[in-house]
Amino acid sequence: MRILVIDDDAELCQLVADYLGPMGFEVASTQEGEDGAARATEEFWHAVILDVMLPDLDGFEVLRRIRSHSKVPVLMLTGRGEEVDRVVGLELGADDYLPKTFSSRELLARLRAVVRRAGWVSEVVPEAPLKEIVLGPLRINPEAHTAVLGDEALSLTPAEFGLLLALAKAKGRVKTREQLIEEVADREWDVFDRAIDMHISTLRRKLGDDPKNPTYIRTVRGYGYQLLAPHP
């Protein structure tokens, strides 16, 4: 399934691609409204994810241009929460609307919904099995929910394994505590609950990691955590 992301935030575009890619989506992106409007109408897409705030054309104008030529499902994003933005976008033909504080699961659910409503039910690809992730002596099997360090299987709780997998899937990018809570706890933890830090602490201990000189999990003060590639 082909998805076009039109957003001037290159990091967000990459995050969307990294999240949707393993689930069978082919994600392309552009940071300019003019280019996005052209690509959205000249190429085939199952859906378009469109930001309201763009440097050249605003998202509403991009949406007008898309709707003048195409009925492709459009899911709009905005950093602003004003109701008027949502109303204008929907009146111009947007299929759904998401604030930029969305969780990855909510994005996926809404994306699948707009695609399904457009009649692409058979094209919606189920979540594809993730391959084993190897970081030096650490091997993580997402399907079996197992992690092995060297020749020793790690005894991890579901929360610890979820945190380790979320950090591994980030491919070296820093994950905020809020992002980890979204991915691992499914909103069951409060954003300010220090339980996540306790789980990281026990996970480090099981990895034999020194937080002051980490091999695997680095704390980015005031932001979150990062899984490091081990030294060769």
Protein backbone atom coordinates (compact mmCIF):
# COMPACT_ATOMS: atom_id res chain seq x y z
CA MET A 1 0.00 0.00 0.00
CA ARG A 2 1.46 3.36 -1.10
CA ILE A 3 1.29 6.34 1.27
CA LEU A 4 2.47 9.90 0.55
CA VAL A 5 3.41 12.12 3.51
CA ILE A 6 3.45 15.88 2.85
CA ASP A 7 5.08 17.52 5.87
CA ASP A 8 7.99 19.92 6.31
CA ASP A 9 9.15 18.00 9.40
CA ALA A 10 11.64 15.56 7.87
CA GLU A 11 12.09 13.72 11.17
CA LEU A 12 8.36 13.12 11.50
CA CYS A 13 8.24 11.85 7.91
CA GLN A 14 11.01 9.39 8.72
CA LEU A 15 9.29 8.26 11.92
CA VAL A 16 6.07 7.58 9.99
CA ALA A 17 8.01 5.64 7.35
CA ASP A 18 9.88 3.62 9.98
CA TYR A 19 6.65 2.77 11.78
CA LEU A 20 4.51 1.92 8.75
CA GLY A 21 7.21 0.27 6.63
CA PRO A 22 7.42 -3.02 8.56
CA MET A 23 3.63 -3.30 8.34
CA GLY A 24 3.67 -3.50 4.56
CA PHE A 25 3.25 0.18 3.67
CA GLU A 26 5.44 1.87 1.07
CA VAL A 27 5.91 5.42 2.38
CA ALA A 28 7.22 8.35 0.34
CA SER A 29 7.48 11.93 1.58
CA THR A 30 8.01 15.50 0.49
CA GLN A 31 8.56 18.62 2.58
CA GLU A 32 6.99 21.09 0.14
CA GLY A 33 3.32 21.72 -0.57
CA GLU A 34 3.80 22.51 -4.26
CA ASP A 35 5.65 19.25 -4.86
CA GLY A 36 3.22 17.36 -2.65
CA ALA A 37 0.17 18.58 -4.55
CA ALA A 38 1.78 17.56 -7.83
CA ARG A 39 2.85 14.12 -6.64
CA ALA A 40 -0.51 13.46 -4.97
CA THR A 41 -2.36 14.03 -8.24
CA GLU A 42 0.17 12.68 -10.75
CA GLU A 43 1.07 9.43 -9.00
CA PHE A 44 -1.04 6.62 -7.55
CA TRP A 45 -1.44 6.54 -3.76
CA HIS A 46 -3.75 4.67 -1.45
CA ALA A 47 -3.73 7.63 0.95
CA VAL A 48 -2.06 10.98 1.62
CA ILE A 49 -0.99 12.28 5.06
CA LEU A 50 -1.00 16.08 4.80
CA ASP A 51 0.28 18.71 7.25
CA VAL A 52 -1.63 21.99 7.50
CA MET A 53 1.47 24.12 8.12
CA LEU A 54 3.82 24.02 5.12
CA PRO A 55 6.52 26.54 4.09
CA ASP A 56 5.29 27.33 0.58
CA LEU A 57 1.61 26.40 0.26
CA ASP A 58 -0.52 25.80 3.32
CA GLY A 59 -2.15 22.40 3.64
CA PHE A 60 -5.59 23.74 2.81
CA GLU A 61 -4.42 24.96 -0.61
CA VAL A 62 -2.66 21.63 -1.20
CA LEU A 63 -5.91 19.87 -0.30
CA ARG A 64 -7.88 22.08 -2.73
CA ARG A 65 -5.48 21.14 -5.54
CA ILE A 66 -5.67 17.46 -4.68
CA ARG A 67 -9.45 17.47 -4.55
CA SER A 68 -9.70 19.23 -7.91
CA HIS A 69 -8.10 16.18 -9.52
CA SER A 70 -8.31 13.22 -7.15
CA LYS A 71 -10.45 11.45 -4.55
CA VAL A 72 -7.44 9.88 -2.82
CA PRO A 73 -8.07 9.62 0.95
CA VAL A 74 -6.41 12.51 2.82
CA LEU A 75 -5.57 12.42 6.51
CA MET A 76 -4.63 15.90 7.73
CA LEU A 77 -2.16 16.71 10.51
CA THR A 78 -1.84 19.93 12.43
CA GLY A 79 0.24 21.32 15.26
CA ARG A 80 -2.66 23.58 16.12
CA GLY A 81 -5.77 22.37 17.89
CA GLU A 82 -8.30 24.98 16.81
CA GLU A 83 -11.68 23.56 15.88
CA VAL A 84 -11.90 25.94 12.92
CA ASP A 85 -8.89 24.21 11.31
CA ARG A 86 -10.58 20.85 11.59
CA VAL A 87 -13.84 22.20 10.20
CA VAL A 88 -12.15 23.92 7.24
CA GLY A 89 -10.11 20.82 6.41
CA LEU A 90 -13.12 18.53 6.50
CA GLU A 91 -15.22 20.95 4.46
CA LEU A 92 -12.49 21.08 1.80
CA GLY A 93 -12.58 17.30 1.51
CA ALA A 94 -10.21 15.88 4.11
CA ASP A 95 -11.23 12.37 5.16
CA ASP A 96 -9.98 12.68 8.73
CA TYR A 97 -7.94 14.94 11.00
CA LEU A 98 -5.20 14.28 13.57
CA PRO A 99 -3.32 16.67 15.86
CA LYS A 100 0.46 16.25 15.76
CA THR A 101 0.36 14.84 19.27
CA PHE A 102 -0.99 11.61 17.78
CA SER A 103 0.28 8.23 18.88
CA SER A 104 1.62 5.83 16.28
CA ARG A 105 -1.25 3.44 16.97
CA GLU A 106 -3.86 6.14 16.47
CA LEU A 107 -2.23 7.15 13.19
CA LEU A 108 -2.33 3.56 11.97
CA ALA A 109 -5.94 3.07 13.04
CA ARG A 110 -7.15 6.26 11.36
CA LEU A 111 -5.10 5.60 8.24
CA ARG A 112 -6.56 2.14 7.90
CA ALA A 113 -10.05 3.54 8.46
CA VAL A 114 -9.83 6.16 5.68
CA VAL A 115 -8.32 3.61 3.29
CA ARG A 116 -11.02 1.08 4.13
CA ARG A 117 -13.77 3.66 3.58
CA ALA A 118 -12.26 4.40 0.16
CA GLY A 119 -12.82 0.79 -0.84
CA TRP A 120 -9.29 -0.55 -0.49
CA VAL A 121 -10.20 -3.17 2.12
CA SER A 122 -8.33 -5.96 0.34
CA GLU A 123 -5.28 -3.72 0.04
CA VAL A 124 -4.92 -3.04 3.75
CA VAL A 125 -1.89 -5.07 4.72
CA PRO A 126 -1.83 -6.68 8.16
CA GLU A 127 1.12 -6.04 10.38
CA ALA A 128 4.05 -7.91 8.86
CA PRO A 129 6.22 -10.08 11.09
CA LEU A 130 9.36 -8.23 12.14
CA LYS A 131 12.68 -9.90 11.51
CA GLU A 132 15.12 -10.67 14.29
CA ILE A 133 17.04 -7.57 15.34
CA VAL A 134 20.74 -8.13 15.95
CA LEU A 135 22.92 -5.64 17.84
CA GLY A 136 26.29 -7.29 18.35
CA PRO A 137 25.78 -10.11 20.86
CA LEU A 138 22.19 -8.99 21.55
CA ARG A 139 19.47 -10.68 19.47
CA ILE A 140 15.83 -9.66 19.75
CA ASN A 141 13.07 -11.81 18.25
CA PRO A 142 9.85 -9.73 18.00
CA GLU A 143 7.66 -12.69 17.05
CA ALA A 144 8.82 -15.02 19.81
CA HIS A 145 9.15 -12.15 22.32
CA THR A 146 12.61 -13.34 23.28
CA ALA A 147 15.95 -11.65 23.72
CA VAL A 148 19.31 -13.41 23.86
CA LEU A 149 22.57 -11.85 25.00
CA GLY A 150 25.49 -13.94 23.80
CA ASP A 151 24.36 -17.49 24.55
CA GLU A 152 22.11 -16.53 27.45
CA ALA A 153 18.36 -16.01 27.10
CA LEU A 154 17.27 -12.93 29.02
CA SER A 155 14.38 -13.30 31.43
CA LEU A 156 12.40 -10.13 30.67
CA THR A 157 8.98 -9.03 31.78
CA PRO A 158 6.52 -7.98 29.02
CA ALA A 159 7.19 -4.31 29.86
CA GLU A 160 10.97 -4.78 29.74
CA PHE A 161 10.82 -6.65 26.44
CA GLY A 162 8.47 -4.03 25.01
CA LEU A 163 10.85 -1.23 25.96
CA LEU A 164 13.84 -3.07 24.51
CA LEU A 165 11.99 -3.76 21.25
CA ALA A 166 10.72 -0.16 20.96
CA LEU A 167 14.25 1.19 21.42
CA ALA A 168 15.67 -1.34 18.94
CA LYS A 169 13.08 -0.46 16.29
CA ALA A 170 14.04 3.22 16.63
CA LYS A 171 17.38 2.34 14.95
CA GLY A 172 19.54 4.59 17.11
CA ARG A 173 17.09 7.48 17.42
CA VAL A 174 16.24 8.80 20.87
CA LYS A 175 12.77 7.86 22.13
CA THR A 176 11.03 10.13 24.62
CA ARG A 177 9.45 8.67 27.73
CA GLU A 178 6.06 9.65 26.31
CA GLN A 179 6.74 7.77 23.05
CA LEU A 180 7.83 4.67 24.94
CA ILE A 181 4.74 4.81 27.13
CA GLU A 182 2.55 5.03 24.02
CA GLU A 183 4.25 2.06 22.36
CA VAL A 184 4.70 -0.20 25.36
CA ALA A 185 2.01 0.57 27.88
CA ASP A 186 -0.92 1.27 25.56
CA ARG A 187 -1.85 4.30 27.68
CA GLU A 188 -2.01 2.28 30.91
CA TRP A 189 0.83 4.26 32.48
CA ASP A 190 0.60 7.92 33.31
CA VAL A 191 3.06 10.10 31.36
CA PHE A 192 4.59 11.24 34.64
CA ASP A 193 4.72 7.78 36.19
CA ARG A 194 8.32 6.95 37.07
CA ALA A 195 7.57 3.25 36.56
CA ILE A 196 9.06 3.46 33.08
CA ASP A 197 12.39 4.54 34.55
CA MET A 198 12.28 1.60 36.95
CA HIS A 199 11.68 -0.79 34.05
CA ILE A 200 14.62 0.74 32.18
CA SER A 201 16.75 0.31 35.30
CA THR A 202 15.93 -3.39 35.63
CA LEU A 203 16.38 -3.89 31.89
CA ARG A 204 19.84 -2.36 32.12
CA ARG A 205 20.72 -4.64 34.99
CA LYS A 206 19.69 -7.72 33.00
CA LEU A 207 21.79 -6.49 30.06
CA GLY A 208 24.76 -5.98 32.39
CA ASP A 209 24.77 -2.32 31.40
CA ASP A 210 26.42 0.48 33.36
CA PRO A 211 24.23 3.62 33.16
CA LYS A 212 27.32 5.82 33.66
CA ASN A 213 29.15 4.16 30.77
CA PRO A 214 26.41 2.41 28.79
CA THR A 215 26.95 -0.24 26.16
CA TYR A 216 23.30 -0.52 25.22
CA ILE A 217 20.90 2.00 26.80
CA ARG A 218 21.88 5.66 27.03
CA THR A 219 19.89 8.21 28.99
CA VAL A 220 19.38 11.51 27.18
CA ARG A 221 18.79 13.82 30.11
CA GLY A 222 15.49 15.64 30.02
CA TYR A 223 14.38 13.77 26.89
CA GLY A 224 14.41 9.99 26.93
CA TYR A 225 16.43 6.91 26.05
CA GLN A 226 18.49 5.61 23.14
CA LEU A 227 19.61 2.09 22.27
CA LEU A 228 23.24 2.18 21.18
CA ALA A 229 24.96 -0.01 18.65
CA PRO A 230 27.59 -1.96 20.62
CA HIS A 231 31.22 -1.17 19.99
CA PRO A 232 32.89 -3.58 17.52
